[in-house]
Amino acid sequence: MPDSQSKCNFLRRRPAGKVVSFSRQRKFHDELYAADRYQIYRCLKLGLNQQEIAHQLKRHPSTISREIKRNTGLRGYRAKQGHIRIISTIA
């Protein structure tokens, strides 16, 4: 399974030779960001289970489970739908 895990982690890679400043701090309630949601989508398409996705994102498995449950409909998990729902809640 290392092959699918390396494909799943594509959003966290940085281009070779470039220094990327990434100072995003996690809040206490451990919110998910749009990139995290798209990575969950990609990992699900690759056939990874929730435990493996949680390990990839360094999140608690229940966080992943709740996210998938909230944003899964008849057409499967929808990352964009989840992100839009969160943005409309904040605004």
N, C-alpha and C. Protein backbone atom coordinates (compact mmCIF):
# COMPACT_ATOMS: atom_id res chain seq x y z
N MET A 1 0.80 -1.20 0.00
CA MET A 1 0.00 0.00 0.00
C MET A 1 0.84 1.27 0.00
N PRO A 2 2.17 1.22 0.07
CA PRO A 2 2.95 2.46 0.09
C PRO A 2 2.75 3.28 -1.18
N ASP A 3 2.44 2.63 -2.31
CA ASP A 3 2.27 3.37 -3.54
C ASP A 3 1.05 4.28 -3.47
N SER A 4 -0.08 3.76 -3.02
CA SER A 4 -1.28 4.59 -2.94
C SER A 4 -1.15 5.67 -1.87
N GLN A 5 -0.41 5.39 -0.80
CA GLN A 5 -0.22 6.41 0.23
C GLN A 5 0.63 7.55 -0.30
N SER A 6 1.63 7.26 -1.11
CA SER A 6 2.46 8.34 -1.65
C SER A 6 1.65 9.17 -2.64
N LYS A 7 0.75 8.54 -3.42
CA LYS A 7 -0.10 9.29 -4.33
C LYS A 7 -1.08 10.15 -3.54
N CYS A 8 -1.56 9.63 -2.44
CA CYS A 8 -2.54 10.33 -1.62
C CYS A 8 -1.95 11.60 -1.00
N ASN A 9 -0.70 11.60 -0.74
CA ASN A 9 -0.05 12.70 -0.03
C ASN A 9 0.45 13.79 -0.99
N PHE A 10 -0.09 13.85 -2.20
CA PHE A 10 0.42 14.78 -3.19
C PHE A 10 0.27 16.25 -2.81
N LEU A 11 -0.72 16.60 -2.02
CA LEU A 11 -0.94 18.01 -1.69
C LEU A 11 0.09 18.56 -0.71
N ARG A 12 0.76 17.70 0.00
CA ARG A 12 1.71 18.16 1.01
C ARG A 12 3.14 18.26 0.46
N ARG A 13 3.35 17.82 -0.76
CA ARG A 13 4.70 17.89 -1.34
C ARG A 13 5.02 19.31 -1.76
N ARG A 14 6.28 19.63 -1.75
CA ARG A 14 6.73 20.94 -2.17
C ARG A 14 7.67 20.77 -3.36
N PRO A 15 7.66 21.70 -4.30
CA PRO A 15 8.55 21.60 -5.45
C PRO A 15 10.02 21.60 -5.00
N ALA A 16 10.81 20.80 -5.66
CA ALA A 16 12.23 20.69 -5.31
C ALA A 16 12.93 22.03 -5.52
N GLY A 17 13.76 22.39 -4.56
CA GLY A 17 14.55 23.60 -4.67
C GLY A 17 13.83 24.88 -4.25
N LYS A 18 12.58 24.79 -3.87
CA LYS A 18 11.85 25.99 -3.47
C LYS A 18 11.59 25.95 -1.97
N VAL A 19 11.75 27.08 -1.34
CA VAL A 19 11.45 27.20 0.08
C VAL A 19 10.03 27.74 0.19
N VAL A 20 9.19 27.00 0.89
CA VAL A 20 7.80 27.40 1.02
C VAL A 20 7.51 27.70 2.48
N SER A 21 7.07 28.91 2.74
CA SER A 21 6.70 29.28 4.10
C SER A 21 5.29 28.77 4.36
N PHE A 22 5.14 27.96 5.36
CA PHE A 22 3.85 27.33 5.64
C PHE A 22 3.60 27.43 7.13
N SER A 23 3.10 28.58 7.58
CA SER A 23 2.94 28.81 9.01
C SER A 23 1.48 28.74 9.44
N ARG A 24 0.81 27.71 9.03
CA ARG A 24 -0.59 27.52 9.40
C ARG A 24 -0.63 26.80 10.75
N GLN A 25 -1.25 27.41 11.71
CA GLN A 25 -1.34 26.79 13.03
C GLN A 25 -2.71 26.16 13.19
N ARG A 26 -2.74 24.98 13.79
CA ARG A 26 -4.00 24.31 14.05
C ARG A 26 -4.70 24.99 15.22
N LYS A 27 -5.98 25.13 15.11
CA LYS A 27 -6.75 25.68 16.21
C LYS A 27 -7.13 24.54 17.15
N PHE A 28 -7.61 24.89 18.30
CA PHE A 28 -7.95 23.89 19.31
C PHE A 28 -8.96 22.88 18.79
N HIS A 29 -9.95 23.35 18.03
CA HIS A 29 -10.98 22.44 17.55
C HIS A 29 -10.57 21.66 16.32
N ASP A 30 -9.33 21.81 15.89
CA ASP A 30 -8.74 21.00 14.82
C ASP A 30 -9.55 21.04 13.53
N GLU A 31 -9.75 22.23 13.01
CA GLU A 31 -10.55 22.38 11.80
C GLU A 31 -9.85 21.78 10.58
N LEU A 32 -10.63 21.37 9.61
CA LEU A 32 -10.11 20.88 8.35
C LEU A 32 -10.10 22.02 7.34
N TYR A 33 -9.08 22.07 6.51
CA TYR A 33 -8.96 23.08 5.49
C TYR A 33 -9.37 22.49 4.15
N ALA A 34 -9.55 23.33 3.15
CA ALA A 34 -9.96 22.86 1.82
C ALA A 34 -8.98 21.82 1.29
N ALA A 35 -7.69 22.04 1.46
CA ALA A 35 -6.68 21.08 0.99
C ALA A 35 -6.85 19.73 1.68
N ASP A 36 -7.19 19.74 2.96
CA ASP A 36 -7.42 18.49 3.69
C ASP A 36 -8.62 17.75 3.11
N ARG A 37 -9.69 18.49 2.80
CA ARG A 37 -10.89 17.86 2.25
C ARG A 37 -10.61 17.24 0.88
N TYR A 38 -9.86 17.94 0.05
CA TYR A 38 -9.54 17.38 -1.27
C TYR A 38 -8.61 16.18 -1.13
N GLN A 39 -7.77 16.18 -0.13
CA GLN A 39 -6.91 15.03 0.09
C GLN A 39 -7.72 13.83 0.58
N ILE A 40 -8.73 14.07 1.41
CA ILE A 40 -9.63 12.99 1.84
C ILE A 40 -10.32 12.40 0.61
N TYR A 41 -10.80 13.26 -0.27
CA TYR A 41 -11.46 12.81 -1.50
C TYR A 41 -10.52 11.93 -2.32
N ARG A 42 -9.31 12.40 -2.51
CA ARG A 42 -8.34 11.65 -3.32
C ARG A 42 -8.02 10.30 -2.67
N CYS A 43 -7.82 10.28 -1.38
CA CYS A 43 -7.50 9.04 -0.68
C CYS A 43 -8.66 8.04 -0.74
N LEU A 44 -9.88 8.53 -0.63
CA LEU A 44 -11.04 7.65 -0.75
C LEU A 44 -11.11 7.03 -2.14
N LYS A 45 -10.82 7.83 -3.16
CA LYS A 45 -10.81 7.32 -4.53
C LYS A 45 -9.73 6.26 -4.73
N LEU A 46 -8.63 6.38 -3.99
CA LEU A 46 -7.55 5.39 -4.08
C LEU A 46 -7.84 4.14 -3.26
N GLY A 47 -8.92 4.16 -2.48
CA GLY A 47 -9.31 2.98 -1.73
C GLY A 47 -8.76 2.89 -0.32
N LEU A 48 -8.21 3.98 0.20
CA LEU A 48 -7.70 3.97 1.58
C LEU A 48 -8.87 4.02 2.56
N ASN A 49 -8.70 3.38 3.71
CA ASN A 49 -9.75 3.44 4.72
C ASN A 49 -9.56 4.68 5.60
N GLN A 50 -10.51 4.90 6.51
CA GLN A 50 -10.48 6.12 7.33
C GLN A 50 -9.27 6.18 8.25
N GLN A 51 -8.84 5.03 8.75
CA GLN A 51 -7.65 5.00 9.62
C GLN A 51 -6.41 5.45 8.85
N GLU A 52 -6.26 4.96 7.62
CA GLU A 52 -5.10 5.31 6.81
C GLU A 52 -5.13 6.79 6.41
N ILE A 53 -6.32 7.30 6.11
CA ILE A 53 -6.45 8.71 5.77
C ILE A 53 -6.09 9.58 6.98
N ALA A 54 -6.57 9.19 8.15
CA ALA A 54 -6.27 9.94 9.37
C ALA A 54 -4.76 9.97 9.62
N HIS A 55 -4.11 8.85 9.38
CA HIS A 55 -2.65 8.80 9.56
C HIS A 55 -1.95 9.74 8.56
N GLN A 56 -2.41 9.74 7.31
CA GLN A 56 -1.82 10.61 6.28
C GLN A 56 -1.96 12.09 6.65
N LEU A 57 -3.13 12.47 7.16
CA LEU A 57 -3.39 13.87 7.48
C LEU A 57 -2.96 14.26 8.89
N LYS A 58 -2.50 13.27 9.66
CA LYS A 58 -2.11 13.49 11.06
C LYS A 58 -3.29 14.08 11.85
N ARG A 59 -4.45 13.45 11.67
CA ARG A 59 -5.67 13.84 12.36
C ARG A 59 -6.23 12.64 13.10
N HIS A 60 -7.12 12.89 14.03
CA HIS A 60 -7.76 11.80 14.74
C HIS A 60 -8.75 11.11 13.79
N PRO A 61 -8.83 9.78 13.85
CA PRO A 61 -9.75 9.07 12.95
C PRO A 61 -11.20 9.53 13.06
N SER A 62 -11.63 9.95 14.25
CA SER A 62 -13.02 10.40 14.38
C SER A 62 -13.26 11.70 13.62
N THR A 63 -12.24 12.55 13.48
CA THR A 63 -12.36 13.78 12.70
C THR A 63 -12.64 13.44 11.24
N ILE A 64 -11.89 12.46 10.72
CA ILE A 64 -12.07 12.02 9.33
C ILE A 64 -13.44 11.38 9.16
N SER A 65 -13.82 10.55 10.11
CA SER A 65 -15.10 9.86 10.05
C SER A 65 -16.26 10.84 10.02
N ARG A 66 -16.23 11.85 10.88
CA ARG A 66 -17.30 12.85 10.92
C ARG A 66 -17.35 13.64 9.61
N GLU A 67 -16.18 14.01 9.10
CA GLU A 67 -16.12 14.77 7.85
C GLU A 67 -16.73 13.97 6.70
N ILE A 68 -16.40 12.70 6.61
CA ILE A 68 -16.92 11.86 5.53
C ILE A 68 -18.44 11.69 5.70
N LYS A 69 -18.88 11.49 6.92
CA LYS A 69 -20.31 11.30 7.18
C LYS A 69 -21.11 12.55 6.82
N ARG A 70 -20.60 13.72 7.17
CA ARG A 70 -21.31 14.98 6.91
C ARG A 70 -21.43 15.30 5.43
N ASN A 71 -20.42 14.93 4.66
CA ASN A 71 -20.34 15.39 3.27
C ASN A 71 -20.43 14.27 2.25
N THR A 72 -21.09 13.19 2.62
CA THR A 72 -21.31 12.09 1.68
C THR A 72 -22.79 12.04 1.35
N GLY A 73 -23.07 12.06 0.05
CA GLY A 73 -24.45 11.98 -0.42
C GLY A 73 -24.60 10.81 -1.38
N LEU A 74 -25.56 10.91 -2.25
CA LEU A 74 -25.80 9.84 -3.21
C LEU A 74 -24.64 9.67 -4.19
N ARG A 75 -23.90 10.74 -4.42
CA ARG A 75 -22.78 10.68 -5.37
C ARG A 75 -21.43 10.50 -4.68
N GLY A 76 -21.43 10.15 -3.41
CA GLY A 76 -20.19 9.91 -2.69
C GLY A 76 -19.71 11.14 -1.93
N TYR A 77 -18.47 11.09 -1.47
CA TYR A 77 -17.89 12.20 -0.70
C TYR A 77 -17.63 13.39 -1.61
N ARG A 78 -18.04 14.57 -1.17
CA ARG A 78 -17.89 15.79 -1.96
C ARG A 78 -17.09 16.82 -1.17
N ALA A 79 -15.82 16.97 -1.51
CA ALA A 79 -14.93 17.89 -0.80
C ALA A 79 -15.39 19.34 -0.95
N LYS A 80 -15.76 19.73 -2.16
CA LYS A 80 -16.17 21.11 -2.41
C LYS A 80 -17.44 21.45 -1.62
N GLN A 81 -18.38 20.51 -1.60
CA GLN A 81 -19.62 20.71 -0.85
C GLN A 81 -19.33 20.96 0.63
N GLY A 82 -18.41 20.20 1.20
CA GLY A 82 -18.05 20.38 2.60
C GLY A 82 -17.42 21.72 2.86
N HIS A 83 -16.55 22.16 1.96
CA HIS A 83 -15.87 23.44 2.15
C HIS A 83 -16.86 24.60 2.02
N ILE A 84 -17.76 24.52 1.06
CA ILE A 84 -18.76 25.57 0.88
C ILE A 84 -19.67 25.64 2.11
N ARG A 85 -20.03 24.49 2.65
CA ARG A 85 -20.88 24.46 3.84
C ARG A 85 -20.20 25.17 5.01
N ILE A 86 -18.92 24.94 5.21
CA ILE A 86 -18.18 25.57 6.30
C ILE A 86 -18.07 27.09 6.07
N ILE A 87 -17.78 27.49 4.85
CA ILE A 87 -17.64 28.93 4.56
C ILE A 87 -18.96 29.65 4.78
N SER A 88 -20.07 29.04 4.38
CA SER A 88 -21.38 29.69 4.57
C SER A 88 -21.75 29.77 6.05
N THR A 89 -21.25 28.84 6.86
CA THR A 89 -21.50 28.86 8.29
C THR A 89 -20.74 30.01 8.94
N ILE A 90 -19.52 30.26 8.49
CA ILE A 90 -18.66 31.30 9.06
C ILE A 90 -19.18 32.69 8.69
N ALA A 91 -19.61 32.84 7.44
CA ALA A 91 -20.03 34.16 6.95
C ALA A 91 -21.32 34.65 7.51
